[in-house]
Amino acid sequence: LDRDFIDQVSAQVGGDHAKPVALICARGVRSRKMGQRLLEAGFTNIIDVPEGMLGSGAGAGWIKRGLPTVPYN
């Protein structure tokens, strides 16, 4: 699973591991873990949203802060 994720992210940035990659999940746990995996794979510009979409000890969360969202179809 991790390798597939890394390969997918690499494809999205055209193989340029210096391009910024932003990660967010529900509460910030999985995005932190995957951000570390990407760093270990040679990515250098990882942006993690530690409070996630729903909030955590790091903060209220993306949704409660009223930040923009776009429905996925």
PDB file of N, CA and C in Angstrom:
ATOM      1  N   LEU A   1       0.828  -1.199   0.000  1.00  0.00           N
ATOM      2  CA  LEU A   1       0.000   0.000   0.000  1.00  0.00           C
ATOM      3  C   LEU A   1       0.865   1.253   0.000  1.00  0.00           C
ATOM      4  N   ASP A   2       1.861   1.320   0.864  1.00  0.00           N
ATOM      5  CA  ASP A   2       2.721   2.496   0.910  1.00  0.00           C
ATOM      6  C   ASP A   2       3.424   2.725  -0.427  1.00  0.00           C
ATOM      7  N   ARG A   3       3.948   1.654  -1.015  1.00  0.00           N
ATOM      8  CA  ARG A   3       4.681   1.778  -2.279  1.00  0.00           C
ATOM      9  C   ARG A   3       3.748   2.291  -3.375  1.00  0.00           C
ATOM     10  N   ASP A   4       2.535   1.762  -3.422  1.00  0.00           N
ATOM     11  CA  ASP A   4       1.564   2.201  -4.418  1.00  0.00           C
ATOM     12  C   ASP A   4       1.243   3.685  -4.224  1.00  0.00           C
ATOM     13  N   PHE A   5       1.080   4.121  -2.978  1.00  0.00           N
ATOM     14  CA  PHE A   5       0.797   5.524  -2.695  1.00  0.00           C
ATOM     15  C   PHE A   5       1.954   6.407  -3.155  1.00  0.00           C
ATOM     16  N   ILE A   6       3.162   6.003  -2.838  1.00  0.00           N
ATOM     17  CA  ILE A   6       4.338   6.775  -3.237  1.00  0.00           C
ATOM     18  C   ILE A   6       4.424   6.860  -4.759  1.00  0.00           C
ATOM     19  N   ASP A   7       4.191   5.754  -5.438  1.00  0.00           N
ATOM     20  CA  ASP A   7       4.213   5.751  -6.902  1.00  0.00           C
ATOM     21  C   ASP A   7       3.142   6.671  -7.475  1.00  0.00           C
ATOM     22  N   GLN A   8       1.947   6.658  -6.882  1.00  0.00           N
ATOM     23  CA  GLN A   8       0.865   7.517  -7.363  1.00  0.00           C
ATOM     24  C   GLN A   8       1.195   8.993  -7.165  1.00  0.00           C
ATOM     25  N   VAL A   9       1.746   9.339  -6.012  1.00  0.00           N
ATOM     26  CA  VAL A   9       2.124  10.731  -5.761  1.00  0.00           C
ATOM     27  C   VAL A   9       3.235  11.144  -6.724  1.00  0.00           C
ATOM     28  N   SER A  10       4.206  10.286  -6.920  1.00  0.00           N
ATOM     29  CA  SER A  10       5.295  10.587  -7.848  1.00  0.00           C
ATOM     30  C   SER A  10       4.764  10.855  -9.252  1.00  0.00           C
ATOM     31  N   ALA A  11       3.803  10.054  -9.678  1.00  0.00           N
ATOM     32  CA  ALA A  11       3.201  10.258 -11.001  1.00  0.00           C
ATOM     33  C   ALA A  11       2.474  11.595 -11.070  1.00  0.00           C
ATOM     34  N   GLN A  12       1.799  11.972  -9.987  1.00  0.00           N
ATOM     35  CA  GLN A  12       1.054  13.235  -9.971  1.00  0.00           C
ATOM     36  C   GLN A  12       1.975  14.454 -10.095  1.00  0.00           C
ATOM     37  N   VAL A  13       3.189  14.355  -9.568  1.00  0.00           N
ATOM     38  CA  VAL A  13       4.127  15.485  -9.637  1.00  0.00           C
ATOM     39  C   VAL A  13       5.118  15.313 -10.784  1.00  0.00           C
ATOM     40  N   GLY A  14       4.830  14.390 -11.673  1.00  0.00           N
ATOM     41  CA  GLY A  14       5.687  14.178 -12.842  1.00  0.00           C
ATOM     42  C   GLY A  14       7.098  13.747 -12.467  1.00  0.00           C
ATOM     43  N   GLY A  15       7.240  13.059 -11.340  1.00  0.00           N
ATOM     44  CA  GLY A  15       8.545  12.589 -10.912  1.00  0.00           C
ATOM     45  C   GLY A  15       9.398  13.633 -10.218  1.00  0.00           C
ATOM     46  N   ASP A  16       8.904  14.865 -10.121  1.00  0.00           N
ATOM     47  CA  ASP A  16       9.651  15.959  -9.479  1.00  0.00           C
ATOM     48  C   ASP A  16       9.382  15.941  -7.980  1.00  0.00           C
ATOM     49  N   HIS A  17      10.256  15.315  -7.228  1.00  0.00           N
ATOM     50  CA  HIS A  17      10.050  15.155  -5.788  1.00  0.00           C
ATOM     51  C   HIS A  17      10.278  16.439  -4.994  1.00  0.00           C
ATOM     52  N   ALA A  18      10.615  17.524  -5.674  1.00  0.00           N
ATOM     53  CA  ALA A  18      10.742  18.826  -5.000  1.00  0.00           C
ATOM     54  C   ALA A  18       9.438  19.628  -5.077  1.00  0.00           C
ATOM     55  N   LYS A  19       8.495  19.184  -5.902  1.00  0.00           N
ATOM     56  CA  LYS A  19       7.215  19.891  -5.986  1.00  0.00           C
ATOM     57  C   LYS A  19       6.452  19.744  -4.677  1.00  0.00           C
ATOM     58  N   PRO A  20       5.688  20.767  -4.282  1.00  0.00           N
ATOM     59  CA  PRO A  20       4.923  20.660  -3.039  1.00  0.00           C
ATOM     60  C   PRO A  20       3.825  19.606  -3.134  1.00  0.00           C
ATOM     61  N   VAL A  21       3.687  18.851  -2.055  1.00  0.00           N
ATOM     62  CA  VAL A  21       2.638  17.843  -1.927  1.00  0.00           C
ATOM     63  C   VAL A  21       1.932  18.108  -0.602  1.00  0.00           C
ATOM     64  N   ALA A  22       0.636  18.419  -0.661  1.00  0.00           N
ATOM     65  CA  ALA A  22      -0.146  18.679   0.553  1.00  0.00           C
ATOM     66  C   ALA A  22      -0.959  17.439   0.904  1.00  0.00           C
ATOM     67  N   LEU A  23      -0.958  17.092   2.185  1.00  0.00           N
ATOM     68  CA  LEU A  23      -1.674  15.905   2.664  1.00  0.00           C
ATOM     69  C   LEU A  23      -2.651  16.296   3.758  1.00  0.00           C
ATOM     70  N   ILE A  24      -3.854  15.737   3.690  1.00  0.00           N
ATOM     71  CA  ILE A  24      -4.847  15.930   4.735  1.00  0.00           C
ATOM     72  C   ILE A  24      -5.674  14.651   4.839  1.00  0.00           C
ATOM     73  N   CYS A  25      -6.043  14.292   6.038  1.00  0.00           N
ATOM     74  CA  CYS A  25      -6.924  13.150   6.265  1.00  0.00           C
ATOM     75  C   CYS A  25      -7.964  13.589   7.299  1.00  0.00           C
ATOM     76  N   ALA A  26      -8.668  12.679   7.884  1.00  0.00           N
ATOM     77  CA  ALA A  26      -9.740  13.041   8.811  1.00  0.00           C
ATOM     78  C   ALA A  26      -9.221  13.774  10.046  1.00  0.00           C
ATOM     79  N   ARG A  27      -8.208  13.224  10.702  1.00  0.00           N
ATOM     80  CA  ARG A  27      -7.734  13.802  11.965  1.00  0.00           C
ATOM     81  C   ARG A  27      -6.235  14.046  12.023  1.00  0.00           C
ATOM     82  N   GLY A  28      -5.528  13.868  10.918  1.00  0.00           N
ATOM     83  CA  GLY A  28      -4.107  14.185  10.861  1.00  0.00           C
ATOM     84  C   GLY A  28      -3.152  13.043  11.135  1.00  0.00           C
ATOM     85  N   VAL A  29      -3.659  11.885  11.531  1.00  0.00           N
ATOM     86  CA  VAL A  29      -2.775  10.769  11.872  1.00  0.00           C
ATOM     87  C   VAL A  29      -2.200  10.116  10.615  1.00  0.00           C
ATOM     88  N   ARG A  30      -3.062   9.744   9.687  1.00  0.00           N
ATOM     89  CA  ARG A  30      -2.597   9.076   8.465  1.00  0.00           C
ATOM     90  C   ARG A  30      -1.781  10.008   7.583  1.00  0.00           C
ATOM     91  N   SER A  31      -2.161  11.282   7.496  1.00  0.00           N
ATOM     92  CA  SER A  31      -1.388  12.202   6.664  1.00  0.00           C
ATOM     93  C   SER A  31       0.024  12.382   7.221  1.00  0.00           C
ATOM     94  N   ARG A  32       0.170  12.424   8.543  1.00  0.00           N
ATOM     95  CA  ARG A  32       1.508  12.535   9.152  1.00  0.00           C
ATOM     96  C   ARG A  32       2.335  11.296   8.804  1.00  0.00           C
ATOM     97  N   LYS A  33       1.722  10.113   8.924  1.00  0.00           N
ATOM     98  CA  LYS A  33       2.423   8.861   8.622  1.00  0.00           C
ATOM     99  C   LYS A  33       2.853   8.820   7.156  1.00  0.00           C
ATOM    100  N   MET A  34       1.950   9.165   6.266  1.00  0.00           N
ATOM    101  CA  MET A  34       2.278   9.094   4.843  1.00  0.00           C
ATOM    102  C   MET A  34       3.255  10.195   4.439  1.00  0.00           C
ATOM    103  N   GLY A  35       3.184  11.337   5.095  1.00  0.00           N
ATOM    104  CA  GLY A  35       4.161  12.394   4.833  1.00  0.00           C
ATOM    105  C   GLY A  35       5.566  11.922   5.175  1.00  0.00           C
ATOM    106  N   GLN A  36       5.702  11.210   6.283  1.00  0.00           N
ATOM    107  CA  GLN A  36       7.001  10.657   6.662  1.00  0.00           C
ATOM    108  C   GLN A  36       7.479   9.653   5.628  1.00  0.00           C
ATOM    109  N   ARG A  37       6.579   8.818   5.136  1.00  0.00           N
ATOM    110  CA  ARG A  37       6.950   7.834   4.113  1.00  0.00           C
ATOM    111  C   ARG A  37       7.430   8.533   2.832  1.00  0.00           C
ATOM    112  N   LEU A  38       6.746   9.623   2.469  1.00  0.00           N
ATOM    113  CA  LEU A  38       7.161  10.366   1.278  1.00  0.00           C
ATOM    114  C   LEU A  38       8.538  11.002   1.481  1.00  0.00           C
ATOM    115  N   LEU A  39       8.784  11.553   2.662  1.00  0.00           N
ATOM    116  CA  LEU A  39      10.114  12.110   2.953  1.00  0.00           C
ATOM    117  C   LEU A  39      11.183  11.030   2.830  1.00  0.00           C
ATOM    118  N   GLU A  40      10.912   9.863   3.362  1.00  0.00           N
ATOM    119  CA  GLU A  40      11.858   8.743   3.277  1.00  0.00           C
ATOM    120  C   GLU A  40      12.086   8.308   1.831  1.00  0.00           C
ATOM    121  N   ALA A  41      11.086   8.541   0.968  1.00  0.00           N
ATOM    122  CA  ALA A  41      11.188   8.177  -0.453  1.00  0.00           C
ATOM    123  C   ALA A  41      11.853   9.274  -1.280  1.00  0.00           C
ATOM    124  N   GLY A  42      12.261  10.379  -0.630  1.00  0.00           N
ATOM    125  CA  GLY A  42      12.995  11.424  -1.341  1.00  0.00           C
ATOM    126  C   GLY A  42      12.213  12.673  -1.681  1.00  0.00           C
ATOM    127  N   PHE A  43      10.947  12.743  -1.298  1.00  0.00           N
ATOM    128  CA  PHE A  43      10.182  13.972  -1.505  1.00  0.00           C
ATOM    129  C   PHE A  43      10.696  15.006  -0.501  1.00  0.00           C
ATOM    130  N   THR A  44      10.749  16.273  -0.920  1.00  0.00           N
ATOM    131  CA  THR A  44      11.367  17.287  -0.055  1.00  0.00           C
ATOM    132  C   THR A  44      10.441  18.422   0.349  1.00  0.00           C
ATOM    133  N   ASN A  45       9.224  18.452  -0.172  1.00  0.00           N
ATOM    134  CA  ASN A  45       8.336  19.590   0.088  1.00  0.00           C
ATOM    135  C   ASN A  45       6.944  19.082   0.479  1.00  0.00           C
ATOM    136  N   ILE A  46       6.849  18.466   1.654  1.00  0.00           N
ATOM    137  CA  ILE A  46       5.596  17.890   2.136  1.00  0.00           C
ATOM    138  C   ILE A  46       4.899  18.886   3.056  1.00  0.00           C
ATOM    139  N   ILE A  47       3.635  19.125   2.792  1.00  0.00           N
ATOM    140  CA  ILE A  47       2.812  20.008   3.620  1.00  0.00           C
ATOM    141  C   ILE A  47       1.725  19.143   4.247  1.00  0.00           C
ATOM    142  N   ASP A  48       1.749  19.036   5.566  1.00  0.00           N
ATOM    143  CA  ASP A  48       0.768  18.227   6.275  1.00  0.00           C
ATOM    144  C   ASP A  48      -0.180  19.153   7.027  1.00  0.00           C
ATOM    145  N   VAL A  49      -1.468  18.854   6.990  1.00  0.00           N
ATOM    146  CA  VAL A  49      -2.465  19.594   7.767  1.00  0.00           C
ATOM    147  C   VAL A  49      -2.726  18.753   9.013  1.00  0.00           C
ATOM    148  N   PRO A  50      -2.049  19.063  10.129  1.00  0.00           N
ATOM    149  CA  PRO A  50      -2.060  18.171  11.280  1.00  0.00           C
ATOM    150  C   PRO A  50      -3.408  18.017  11.969  1.00  0.00           C
ATOM    151  N   GLU A  51      -4.291  18.983  11.844  1.00  0.00           N
ATOM    152  CA  GLU A  51      -5.592  18.858  12.517  1.00  0.00           C
ATOM    153  C   GLU A  51      -6.619  18.131  11.666  1.00  0.00           C
ATOM    154  N   GLY A  52      -6.293  17.876  10.416  1.00  0.00           N
ATOM    155  CA  GLY A  52      -7.169  17.126   9.534  1.00  0.00           C
ATOM    156  C   GLY A  52      -8.453  17.859   9.162  1.00  0.00           C
ATOM    157  N   MET A  53      -9.334  17.135   8.512  1.00  0.00           N
ATOM    158  CA  MET A  53     -10.621  17.695   8.093  1.00  0.00           C
ATOM    159  C   MET A  53     -11.564  17.888   9.276  1.00  0.00           C
ATOM    160  N   LEU A  54     -11.519  16.955  10.233  1.00  0.00           N
ATOM    161  CA  LEU A  54     -12.518  16.925  11.309  1.00  0.00           C
ATOM    162  C   LEU A  54     -12.039  17.508  12.625  1.00  0.00           C
ATOM    163  N   GLY A  55     -10.763  17.792  12.732  1.00  0.00           N
ATOM    164  CA  GLY A  55     -10.221  18.337  13.968  1.00  0.00           C
ATOM    165  C   GLY A  55      -9.526  17.282  14.807  1.00  0.00           C
ATOM    166  N   SER A  56      -8.603  17.759  15.637  1.00  0.00           N
ATOM    167  CA  SER A  56      -7.831  16.880  16.519  1.00  0.00           C
ATOM    168  C   SER A  56      -7.251  17.742  17.627  1.00  0.00           C
ATOM    169  N   GLY A  57      -6.349  17.196  18.390  1.00  0.00           N
ATOM    170  CA  GLY A  57      -5.664  17.978  19.405  1.00  0.00           C
ATOM    171  C   GLY A  57      -4.873  19.128  18.820  1.00  0.00           C
ATOM    172  N   ALA A  58      -4.583  19.067  17.523  1.00  0.00           N
ATOM    173  CA  ALA A  58      -3.828  20.117  16.844  1.00  0.00           C
ATOM    174  C   ALA A  58      -4.698  21.317  16.462  1.00  0.00           C
ATOM    175  N   GLY A  59      -6.022  21.174  16.504  1.00  0.00           N
ATOM    176  CA  GLY A  59      -6.887  22.286  16.144  1.00  0.00           C
ATOM    177  C   GLY A  59      -8.278  21.842  15.736  1.00  0.00           C
ATOM    178  N   ALA A  60      -9.069  22.826  15.375  1.00  0.00           N
ATOM    179  CA  ALA A  60     -10.490  22.617  15.095  1.00  0.00           C
ATOM    180  C   ALA A  60     -10.767  21.797  13.839  1.00  0.00           C
ATOM    181  N   GLY A  61      -9.874  21.835  12.888  1.00  0.00           N
ATOM    182  CA  GLY A  61     -10.084  21.103  11.648  1.00  0.00           C
ATOM    183  C   GLY A  61     -10.497  22.002  10.504  1.00  0.00           C
ATOM    184  N   TRP A  62     -10.238  21.511   9.311  1.00  0.00           N
ATOM    185  CA  TRP A  62     -10.486  22.255   8.078  1.00  0.00           C
ATOM    186  C   TRP A  62     -11.949  22.689   7.979  1.00  0.00           C
ATOM    187  N   ILE A  63     -12.872  21.776   8.209  1.00  0.00           N
ATOM    188  CA  ILE A  63     -14.299  22.056   8.023  1.00  0.00           C
ATOM    189  C   ILE A  63     -14.796  23.078   9.039  1.00  0.00           C
ATOM    190  N   LYS A  64     -14.507  22.891  10.326  1.00  0.00           N
ATOM    191  CA  LYS A  64     -14.975  23.831  11.352  1.00  0.00           C
ATOM    192  C   LYS A  64     -14.378  25.221  11.179  1.00  0.00           C
ATOM    193  N   ARG A  65     -13.220  25.301  10.562  1.00  0.00           N
ATOM    194  CA  ARG A  65     -12.610  26.611  10.302  1.00  0.00           C
ATOM    195  C   ARG A  65     -13.252  27.309   9.099  1.00  0.00           C
ATOM    196  N   GLY A  66     -14.135  26.598   8.408  1.00  0.00           N
ATOM    197  CA  GLY A  66     -14.821  27.196   7.267  1.00  0.00           C
ATOM    198  C   GLY A  66     -13.949  27.310   6.027  1.00  0.00           C
ATOM    199  N   LEU A  67     -12.913  26.490   5.951  1.00  0.00           N
ATOM    200  CA  LEU A  67     -12.028  26.536   4.777  1.00  0.00           C
ATOM    201  C   LEU A  67     -12.727  25.861   3.597  1.00  0.00           C
ATOM    202  N   PRO A  68     -12.326  26.195   2.376  1.00  0.00           N
ATOM    203  CA  PRO A  68     -13.064  25.709   1.206  1.00  0.00           C
ATOM    204  C   PRO A  68     -12.966  24.201   1.010  1.00  0.00           C
ATOM    205  N   THR A  69     -14.060  23.634   0.558  1.00  0.00           N
ATOM    206  CA  THR A  69     -14.115  22.228   0.178  1.00  0.00           C
ATOM    207  C   THR A  69     -14.833  22.130  -1.166  1.00  0.00           C
ATOM    208  N   VAL A  70     -14.511  21.102  -1.898  1.00  0.00           N
ATOM    209  CA  VAL A  70     -15.156  20.844  -3.185  1.00  0.00           C
ATOM    210  C   VAL A  70     -15.620  19.394  -3.161  1.00  0.00           C
ATOM    211  N   PRO A  71     -16.888  19.145  -3.420  1.00  0.00           N
ATOM    212  CA  PRO A  71     -17.365  17.755  -3.413  1.00  0.00           C
ATOM    213  C   PRO A  71     -16.657  16.937  -4.490  1.00  0.00           C
ATOM    214  N   TYR A  72     -16.393  15.701  -4.165  1.00  0.00           N
ATOM    215  CA  TYR A  72     -15.782  14.764  -5.119  1.00  0.00           C
ATOM    216  C   TYR A  72     -16.908  13.993  -5.788  1.00  0.00           C
ATOM    217  N   ASN A  73     -16.928  14.007  -7.099  1.00  0.00           N
ATOM    218  CA  ASN A  73     -17.961  13.277  -7.850  1.00  0.00           C
ATOM    219  C   ASN A  73     -17.394  12.043  -8.469  1.00  0.00           C
TER     220      ASN A  73
END
